[in-house]
Amino acid sequence: MGTVTFQPEESRAGSRRGGTARAALYAHVVEGQLCTTAQIARRLGISPDAAYQRIKKRPHPLTWDSLATKWRKAA
């Protein structure tokens, strides 16, 4: 006997509804607009990792101006 996996009768893993719900988990609000990290990275011309770091460290609510400037440590 092998492992038993539970498969629901109707899976939404690849559906539009499932994808939208998953994307909402990673969405950020920038100036009232819902954006994913990838969209922010594309607009700023940086990598998704760099965009995520900027999102984490910036004061909220987020603005495009604050995200566009590189973070400088206080001396």
N, C-alpha and C. Protein backbone atom coordinates (compact mmCIF):
# COMPACT_ATOMS: atom_id res chain seq x y z
N MET A 1 0.82 -1.19 0.00
CA MET A 1 0.00 0.00 0.00
C MET A 1 0.87 1.25 0.00
N GLY A 2 0.60 2.17 -0.92
CA GLY A 2 1.37 3.40 -1.01
C GLY A 2 0.72 4.53 -0.23
N THR A 3 1.21 5.71 -0.46
CA THR A 3 0.64 6.87 0.21
C THR A 3 -0.69 7.24 -0.44
N VAL A 4 -1.56 7.77 0.36
CA VAL A 4 -2.88 8.16 -0.12
C VAL A 4 -2.92 9.68 -0.20
N THR A 5 -3.28 10.20 -1.35
CA THR A 5 -3.41 11.65 -1.50
C THR A 5 -4.87 12.01 -1.70
N PHE A 6 -5.26 13.10 -1.11
CA PHE A 6 -6.65 13.54 -1.22
C PHE A 6 -6.79 14.41 -2.46
N GLN A 7 -7.64 14.04 -3.35
CA GLN A 7 -7.93 14.81 -4.54
C GLN A 7 -9.40 15.24 -4.51
N PRO A 8 -9.66 16.51 -4.39
CA PRO A 8 -11.06 16.94 -4.43
C PRO A 8 -11.67 16.64 -5.80
N GLU A 9 -12.97 16.50 -5.81
CA GLU A 9 -13.64 16.17 -7.06
C GLU A 9 -13.40 17.23 -8.13
N GLU A 10 -13.41 18.48 -7.69
CA GLU A 10 -13.23 19.58 -8.64
C GLU A 10 -12.07 20.45 -8.17
N SER A 11 -10.96 20.40 -8.87
CA SER A 11 -9.79 21.17 -8.48
C SER A 11 -9.78 22.51 -9.22
N ARG A 12 -9.40 23.57 -8.52
CA ARG A 12 -9.32 24.90 -9.15
C ARG A 12 -7.86 25.33 -9.30
N ALA A 13 -6.94 24.37 -9.24
CA ALA A 13 -5.51 24.70 -9.26
C ALA A 13 -5.11 25.46 -10.51
N GLY A 14 -5.60 25.07 -11.67
CA GLY A 14 -5.20 25.74 -12.90
C GLY A 14 -6.24 26.69 -13.45
N SER A 15 -7.30 26.92 -12.71
CA SER A 15 -8.37 27.77 -13.22
C SER A 15 -8.07 29.24 -13.00
N ARG A 16 -8.82 30.08 -13.66
CA ARG A 16 -8.66 31.53 -13.48
C ARG A 16 -8.95 31.92 -12.05
N ARG A 17 -9.94 31.31 -11.45
CA ARG A 17 -10.30 31.65 -10.07
C ARG A 17 -9.17 31.29 -9.11
N GLY A 18 -8.57 30.11 -9.32
CA GLY A 18 -7.46 29.69 -8.47
C GLY A 18 -6.24 30.59 -8.65
N GLY A 19 -5.96 30.98 -9.89
CA GLY A 19 -4.82 31.84 -10.16
C GLY A 19 -5.00 33.23 -9.59
N THR A 20 -6.20 33.76 -9.64
CA THR A 20 -6.46 35.10 -9.11
C THR A 20 -6.34 35.10 -7.60
N ALA A 21 -6.82 34.06 -6.97
CA ALA A 21 -6.74 33.97 -5.51
C ALA A 21 -5.27 33.88 -5.07
N ARG A 22 -4.49 33.11 -5.82
CA ARG A 22 -3.08 32.96 -5.50
C ARG A 22 -2.34 34.28 -5.72
N ALA A 23 -2.65 34.98 -6.78
CA ALA A 23 -2.00 36.26 -7.07
C ALA A 23 -2.34 37.31 -6.02
N ALA A 24 -3.55 37.26 -5.48
CA ALA A 24 -3.95 38.22 -4.46
C ALA A 24 -3.12 38.08 -3.19
N LEU A 25 -2.61 36.89 -2.94
CA LEU A 25 -1.77 36.68 -1.77
C LEU A 25 -0.46 37.46 -1.87
N TYR A 26 0.01 37.69 -3.10
CA TYR A 26 1.29 38.34 -3.32
C TYR A 26 1.14 39.75 -3.85
N ALA A 27 -0.04 40.33 -3.78
CA ALA A 27 -0.29 41.65 -4.33
C ALA A 27 0.06 42.74 -3.32
N HIS A 28 0.42 43.89 -3.84
CA HIS A 28 0.74 45.06 -3.02
C HIS A 28 -0.05 46.24 -3.56
N VAL A 29 -0.41 47.17 -2.69
CA VAL A 29 -1.15 48.35 -3.11
C VAL A 29 -0.17 49.52 -3.23
N VAL A 30 -0.05 50.03 -4.44
CA VAL A 30 0.83 51.18 -4.69
C VAL A 30 -0.05 52.30 -5.23
N GLU A 31 -0.16 53.37 -4.44
CA GLU A 31 -0.99 54.53 -4.80
C GLU A 31 -2.40 54.09 -5.19
N GLY A 32 -2.98 53.20 -4.42
CA GLY A 32 -4.35 52.76 -4.64
C GLY A 32 -4.53 51.72 -5.73
N GLN A 33 -3.44 51.27 -6.33
CA GLN A 33 -3.48 50.32 -7.43
C GLN A 33 -2.91 48.99 -6.96
N LEU A 34 -3.63 47.89 -7.19
CA LEU A 34 -3.18 46.56 -6.80
C LEU A 34 -2.17 46.04 -7.81
N CYS A 35 -0.95 45.75 -7.36
CA CYS A 35 0.13 45.31 -8.26
C CYS A 35 0.83 44.11 -7.64
N THR A 36 1.33 43.22 -8.50
CA THR A 36 2.15 42.11 -8.02
C THR A 36 3.60 42.58 -7.98
N THR A 37 4.43 41.79 -7.31
CA THR A 37 5.85 42.12 -7.23
C THR A 37 6.48 42.15 -8.61
N ALA A 38 6.07 41.23 -9.48
CA ALA A 38 6.62 41.18 -10.84
C ALA A 38 6.25 42.44 -11.62
N GLN A 39 5.03 42.92 -11.47
CA GLN A 39 4.61 44.14 -12.17
C GLN A 39 5.41 45.34 -11.68
N ILE A 40 5.63 45.42 -10.37
CA ILE A 40 6.41 46.52 -9.81
C ILE A 40 7.84 46.46 -10.33
N ALA A 41 8.42 45.26 -10.36
CA ALA A 41 9.79 45.09 -10.84
C ALA A 41 9.91 45.51 -12.30
N ARG A 42 8.94 45.11 -13.13
CA ARG A 42 8.96 45.48 -14.54
C ARG A 42 8.89 46.98 -14.72
N ARG A 43 8.00 47.63 -13.96
CA ARG A 43 7.83 49.08 -14.11
C ARG A 43 9.06 49.85 -13.65
N LEU A 44 9.75 49.34 -12.61
CA LEU A 44 10.93 50.02 -12.10
C LEU A 44 12.20 49.60 -12.83
N GLY A 45 12.14 48.51 -13.61
CA GLY A 45 13.31 48.04 -14.34
C GLY A 45 14.33 47.35 -13.46
N ILE A 46 13.87 46.68 -12.40
CA ILE A 46 14.77 45.96 -11.49
C ILE A 46 14.31 44.51 -11.38
N SER A 47 15.08 43.70 -10.68
CA SER A 47 14.72 42.29 -10.53
C SER A 47 13.57 42.15 -9.52
N PRO A 48 12.82 41.07 -9.61
CA PRO A 48 11.73 40.85 -8.63
C PRO A 48 12.23 40.77 -7.19
N ASP A 49 13.43 40.22 -6.98
CA ASP A 49 13.99 40.16 -5.63
C ASP A 49 14.27 41.56 -5.09
N ALA A 50 14.83 42.41 -5.93
CA ALA A 50 15.12 43.79 -5.52
C ALA A 50 13.82 44.54 -5.25
N ALA A 51 12.81 44.30 -6.08
CA ALA A 51 11.52 44.96 -5.87
C ALA A 51 10.91 44.53 -4.55
N TYR A 52 11.00 43.24 -4.24
CA TYR A 52 10.44 42.74 -2.99
C TYR A 52 11.15 43.36 -1.79
N GLN A 53 12.47 43.50 -1.87
CA GLN A 53 13.23 44.12 -0.78
C GLN A 53 12.81 45.58 -0.59
N ARG A 54 12.60 46.29 -1.69
CA ARG A 54 12.16 47.69 -1.58
C ARG A 54 10.77 47.78 -0.98
N ILE A 55 9.88 46.86 -1.37
CA ILE A 55 8.51 46.87 -0.84
C ILE A 55 8.53 46.63 0.66
N LYS A 56 9.38 45.70 1.10
CA LYS A 56 9.45 45.38 2.52
C LYS A 56 9.96 46.54 3.35
N LYS A 57 10.93 47.30 2.82
CA LYS A 57 11.61 48.32 3.62
C LYS A 57 10.99 49.70 3.53
N ARG A 58 10.11 49.94 2.59
CA ARG A 58 9.53 51.27 2.42
C ARG A 58 8.37 51.48 3.39
N PRO A 59 8.19 52.74 3.80
CA PRO A 59 7.03 53.05 4.64
C PRO A 59 5.74 52.92 3.83
N HIS A 60 4.72 52.44 4.47
CA HIS A 60 3.42 52.27 3.81
C HIS A 60 2.54 53.45 4.16
N PRO A 61 1.65 53.91 3.32
CA PRO A 61 1.30 53.39 2.01
C PRO A 61 2.42 53.62 0.99
N LEU A 62 2.57 52.66 0.08
CA LEU A 62 3.63 52.72 -0.92
C LEU A 62 3.31 53.72 -2.01
N THR A 63 4.35 54.40 -2.49
CA THR A 63 4.22 55.29 -3.64
C THR A 63 5.27 54.90 -4.66
N TRP A 64 5.02 55.24 -5.93
CA TRP A 64 5.99 54.92 -6.98
C TRP A 64 7.29 55.68 -6.77
N ASP A 65 7.20 56.91 -6.26
CA ASP A 65 8.40 57.70 -6.01
C ASP A 65 9.29 57.05 -4.96
N SER A 66 8.69 56.58 -3.87
CA SER A 66 9.49 55.94 -2.82
C SER A 66 10.10 54.63 -3.30
N LEU A 67 9.38 53.89 -4.14
CA LEU A 67 9.90 52.63 -4.66
C LEU A 67 10.99 52.85 -5.71
N ALA A 68 10.94 53.97 -6.42
CA ALA A 68 11.90 54.22 -7.50
C ALA A 68 13.26 54.61 -6.94
N THR A 69 13.30 55.22 -5.77
CA THR A 69 14.59 55.65 -5.23
C THR A 69 15.26 54.49 -4.51
N LYS A 70 16.59 54.40 -4.70
CA LYS A 70 17.35 53.36 -4.05
C LYS A 70 17.48 53.69 -2.56
N TRP A 71 17.38 52.69 -1.73
CA TRP A 71 17.41 52.88 -0.27
C TRP A 71 18.83 53.22 0.16
N ARG A 72 18.93 54.25 0.97
CA ARG A 72 20.24 54.63 1.49
C ARG A 72 20.23 54.46 3.00
N LYS A 73 21.26 53.81 3.52
CA LYS A 73 21.38 53.62 4.97
C LYS A 73 21.80 54.93 5.61
N ALA A 74 21.27 55.17 6.83
CA ALA A 74 21.66 56.38 7.56
C ALA A 74 23.09 56.25 8.04
N ALA A 75 23.84 57.32 7.92
CA ALA A 75 25.27 57.27 8.31
C ALA A 75 25.45 57.46 9.78
